[in-house]
Amino acid sequence: SMAWPDGEARRVVYVQASDGAYAGAIVTAPDIALLGSGVAIPGFGGKAFGGGARPLVRGTGEGIRVNASADGTAIAGFEITTDGGGTGIFSGSGKVQVVDNVIRDNQRGVLLLSDGEFDSIIEGNRLADNAMAGLQIEATGGAGESFRLAVEDNVFEGGAQGFWGMAEGHEGDGARIAGNTVRDTDDLGLWFRMAAGD
């Protein structure tokens, strides 16, 4: 296991780049990290392992799917595409981290649909030429359920919208959207609305 931006350790599944593309992945268990070889793993004495070519995930409907039961999933170091036909990363869980990926040529780059507690980090990704949105978040909460979101240091390029998000009904906490770059979107750059619960 290794620590992630939220400070939590996860079981790591390391995926090495190959000559071809991976057909996709489904994460069903909580606290799993899919770590692509595009991210260096820090080691002892300042040394690192990996950090070379990114594994290519070429899905049909979805590149990587995170089931609602898979809270705590982290995805880093991949190139993910559906060649314009679907969603790069779909998550039914509101507790995910998507860090240092290239997510390109999808209808939606990352789509997070969540009902309940929400605690996600989207950081350091390049989201390019995703027709509808690079990142889309739709989250609904209730009494006693918090919402925490960090969308930081991403590059959104092309497509209709860079980031479109909406959270309703949660209590407390909030969103941090900072350090992002938006280029050549047709409609919106960054748009987020949060409506607190009663």
Protein backbone atom coordinates (compact mmCIF):
# COMPACT_ATOMS: atom_id res chain seq x y z
CA SER A 1 0.00 0.00 0.00
CA MET A 2 1.01 3.64 -0.40
CA ALA A 3 -0.34 6.99 0.76
CA TRP A 4 -2.47 9.14 -1.57
CA PRO A 5 -3.34 12.88 -1.57
CA ASP A 6 -5.95 12.31 1.14
CA GLY A 7 -3.27 10.66 3.36
CA GLU A 8 -4.97 7.27 3.35
CA ALA A 9 -3.25 4.01 2.38
CA ARG A 10 -4.81 1.72 -0.23
CA ARG A 11 -4.16 -1.72 -1.68
CA VAL A 12 -2.31 -1.08 -4.94
CA VAL A 13 -2.91 -2.83 -8.25
CA TYR A 14 0.04 -1.84 -10.44
CA VAL A 15 -0.64 -1.82 -14.19
CA GLN A 16 2.32 -1.80 -16.60
CA ALA A 17 2.07 -0.20 -20.06
CA SER A 18 2.00 -2.75 -22.88
CA ASP A 19 2.16 -2.68 -26.68
CA GLY A 20 -1.63 -2.82 -26.88
CA ALA A 21 -4.54 -1.32 -25.01
CA TYR A 22 -6.39 -2.69 -21.99
CA ALA A 23 -10.11 -3.21 -22.66
CA GLY A 24 -11.20 -1.55 -19.40
CA ALA A 25 -11.54 -2.20 -15.70
CA ILE A 26 -14.26 -2.46 -13.07
CA VAL A 27 -13.51 -1.72 -9.40
CA THR A 28 -15.95 -3.44 -7.03
CA ALA A 29 -14.14 -3.43 -3.65
CA PRO A 30 -13.34 -0.41 -1.46
CA ASP A 31 -9.88 1.12 -0.91
CA ILE A 32 -8.26 -0.11 -4.13
CA ALA A 33 -5.70 1.96 -6.04
CA LEU A 34 -5.22 1.39 -9.75
CA LEU A 35 -1.71 2.68 -10.31
CA GLY A 36 -0.50 2.92 -13.89
CA SER A 37 3.15 2.86 -14.82
CA GLY A 38 2.86 6.51 -15.89
CA VAL A 39 3.30 7.56 -12.24
CA ALA A 40 6.57 7.17 -10.36
CA ILE A 41 6.38 5.39 -7.02
CA PRO A 42 8.73 7.03 -4.51
CA GLY A 43 11.31 4.71 -2.96
CA PHE A 44 14.20 4.88 -0.52
CA GLY A 45 17.15 7.23 -0.97
CA GLY A 46 15.32 9.50 -3.43
CA LYS A 47 14.89 6.69 -5.96
CA ALA A 48 11.63 6.01 -7.81
CA PHE A 49 10.05 3.08 -9.62
CA GLY A 50 7.97 3.53 -12.79
CA GLY A 51 7.06 6.93 -14.14
CA GLY A 52 7.40 5.94 -17.80
CA ALA A 53 4.77 5.17 -20.40
CA ARG A 54 1.13 5.28 -19.32
CA PRO A 55 -0.97 2.15 -19.82
CA LEU A 56 -3.68 2.83 -22.42
CA VAL A 57 -7.22 1.88 -21.39
CA ARG A 58 -9.55 1.83 -24.40
CA GLY A 59 -13.09 1.10 -23.29
CA THR A 60 -16.28 0.89 -25.32
CA GLY A 61 -18.95 2.36 -23.00
CA GLU A 62 -16.62 3.11 -20.09
CA GLY A 63 -12.85 3.01 -19.71
CA ILE A 64 -12.79 2.42 -15.94
CA ARG A 65 -15.95 1.86 -13.88
CA VAL A 66 -16.03 2.34 -10.10
CA ASN A 67 -19.08 0.71 -8.50
CA ALA A 68 -21.01 2.55 -5.78
CA SER A 69 -19.65 0.03 -3.23
CA ALA A 70 -16.02 0.88 -4.07
CA ASP A 71 -15.49 3.92 -1.80
CA GLY A 72 -11.88 5.00 -1.52
CA THR A 73 -10.86 4.02 -5.07
CA ALA A 74 -7.86 5.87 -6.49
CA ILE A 75 -6.82 5.95 -10.16
CA ALA A 76 -3.47 7.38 -11.29
CA GLY A 77 -1.00 7.16 -14.16
CA PHE A 78 -3.24 6.06 -17.06
CA GLU A 79 -4.26 7.24 -20.51
CA ILE A 80 -7.98 6.58 -20.84
CA THR A 81 -10.20 6.83 -23.95
CA THR A 82 -13.41 5.45 -25.40
CA ASP A 83 -12.60 6.93 -28.82
CA GLY A 84 -15.50 9.37 -28.44
CA GLY A 85 -18.14 6.79 -27.57
CA GLY A 86 -18.54 6.82 -23.78
CA THR A 87 -17.16 7.87 -20.42
CA GLY A 88 -13.45 7.63 -19.55
CA ILE A 89 -13.99 7.09 -15.79
CA PHE A 90 -17.48 6.50 -14.40
CA SER A 91 -17.97 6.35 -10.63
CA GLY A 92 -21.11 5.55 -8.68
CA SER A 93 -19.10 6.29 -5.53
CA GLY A 94 -18.57 9.87 -4.34
CA LYS A 95 -15.35 8.88 -2.58
CA VAL A 96 -12.69 8.61 -5.29
CA GLN A 97 -9.37 10.12 -6.27
CA VAL A 98 -8.39 10.66 -9.90
CA VAL A 99 -4.78 11.88 -10.06
CA ASP A 100 -2.25 12.40 -12.88
CA ASN A 101 -4.10 10.78 -15.80
CA VAL A 102 -4.59 11.69 -19.46
CA ILE A 103 -8.32 11.30 -20.16
CA ARG A 104 -9.14 12.05 -23.78
CA ASP A 105 -11.61 11.55 -26.62
CA ASN A 106 -14.70 10.55 -24.65
CA GLN A 107 -18.24 11.91 -24.37
CA ARG A 108 -17.42 12.63 -20.70
CA GLY A 109 -13.90 12.36 -19.33
CA VAL A 110 -14.87 11.71 -15.70
CA LEU A 111 -18.47 11.30 -14.49
CA LEU A 112 -19.15 11.07 -10.74
CA LEU A 113 -22.76 10.32 -9.73
CA SER A 114 -23.22 10.10 -6.00
CA ASP A 115 -25.99 9.81 -3.44
CA GLY A 116 -24.74 10.34 0.13
CA GLU A 117 -21.38 11.35 1.62
CA PHE A 118 -19.01 12.87 -0.92
CA ASP A 119 -15.22 13.17 -0.54
CA SER A 120 -13.28 13.24 -3.82
CA ILE A 121 -10.05 14.64 -5.25
CA ILE A 122 -9.53 15.29 -8.96
CA GLU A 123 -5.96 16.54 -9.32
CA GLY A 124 -3.23 16.96 -11.93
CA ASN A 125 -5.10 15.38 -14.86
CA ARG A 126 -5.20 16.36 -18.52
CA LEU A 127 -8.80 16.11 -19.76
CA ALA A 128 -8.80 16.72 -23.53
CA ASP A 129 -11.38 16.59 -26.31
CA ASN A 130 -14.16 15.09 -24.21
CA ALA A 131 -17.24 16.13 -26.23
CA MET A 132 -19.72 16.95 -23.43
CA ALA A 133 -17.48 17.61 -20.40
CA GLY A 134 -14.00 16.88 -19.11
CA LEU A 135 -15.40 16.43 -15.59
CA GLN A 136 -19.06 16.16 -14.56
CA ILE A 137 -20.24 15.76 -10.96
CA GLU A 138 -23.82 15.24 -9.79
CA ALA A 139 -24.07 14.66 -6.03
CA THR A 140 -27.07 14.49 -3.72
CA GLY A 141 -26.82 14.34 0.06
CA GLY A 142 -29.02 14.45 3.12
CA ALA A 143 -29.03 15.34 6.79
CA GLY A 144 -25.64 14.73 8.38
CA GLU A 145 -23.92 13.93 5.06
CA SER A 146 -20.93 16.09 4.18
CA PHE A 147 -19.52 17.20 0.84
CA ARG A 148 -15.77 17.66 0.26
CA LEU A 149 -14.30 18.16 -3.20
CA ALA A 150 -10.92 19.29 -4.51
CA VAL A 151 -10.53 19.96 -8.24
CA GLU A 152 -6.98 21.26 -8.56
CA ASP A 153 -4.19 21.69 -11.12
CA ASN A 154 -6.05 20.00 -14.00
CA VAL A 155 -5.91 20.99 -17.67
CA PHE A 156 -9.29 21.01 -19.47
CA GLU A 157 -9.01 21.26 -23.27
CA GLY A 158 -11.66 21.19 -26.00
CA GLY A 159 -15.20 19.82 -25.83
CA ALA A 160 -18.30 21.71 -24.74
CA GLN A 161 -17.41 22.11 -21.04
CA GLY A 162 -14.31 21.79 -18.91
CA PHE A 163 -15.96 21.09 -15.54
CA TRP A 164 -19.67 21.08 -14.76
CA GLY A 165 -20.82 20.13 -11.28
CA MET A 166 -23.76 20.27 -8.89
CA ALA A 167 -24.11 19.20 -5.26
CA GLU A 168 -27.39 19.42 -3.34
CA GLY A 169 -28.57 18.66 0.17
CA HIS A 170 -25.25 18.08 1.94
CA GLU A 171 -24.25 19.67 5.24
CA GLY A 172 -20.95 21.41 5.95
CA ASP A 173 -17.52 21.43 4.33
CA GLY A 174 -17.33 22.50 0.68
CA ALA A 175 -15.38 22.59 -2.54
CA ARG A 176 -11.93 23.82 -3.50
CA ILE A 177 -11.50 24.51 -7.20
CA ALA A 178 -8.07 26.03 -7.87
CA GLY A 179 -5.10 26.10 -10.22
CA ASN A 180 -6.96 24.62 -13.20
CA THR A 181 -6.32 25.62 -16.82
CA VAL A 182 -9.14 25.75 -19.39
CA ARG A 183 -8.51 26.04 -23.14
CA ASP A 184 -10.74 25.98 -26.21
CA THR A 185 -14.04 24.84 -24.68
CA ASP A 186 -17.18 25.60 -26.72
CA ASP A 187 -19.56 26.48 -23.87
CA LEU A 188 -18.39 26.55 -20.23
CA GLY A 189 -14.97 26.55 -18.65
CA LEU A 190 -15.63 25.74 -14.97
CA TRP A 191 -19.14 25.77 -13.46
CA PHE A 192 -20.08 24.43 -10.04
CA ARG A 193 -23.18 24.95 -7.87
CA MET A 194 -23.59 23.80 -4.29
CA ALA A 195 -26.91 24.04 -2.46
CA ALA A 196 -26.75 23.19 1.25
CA GLY A 197 -29.28 20.96 2.97
CA ASP A 198 -31.96 22.14 5.41
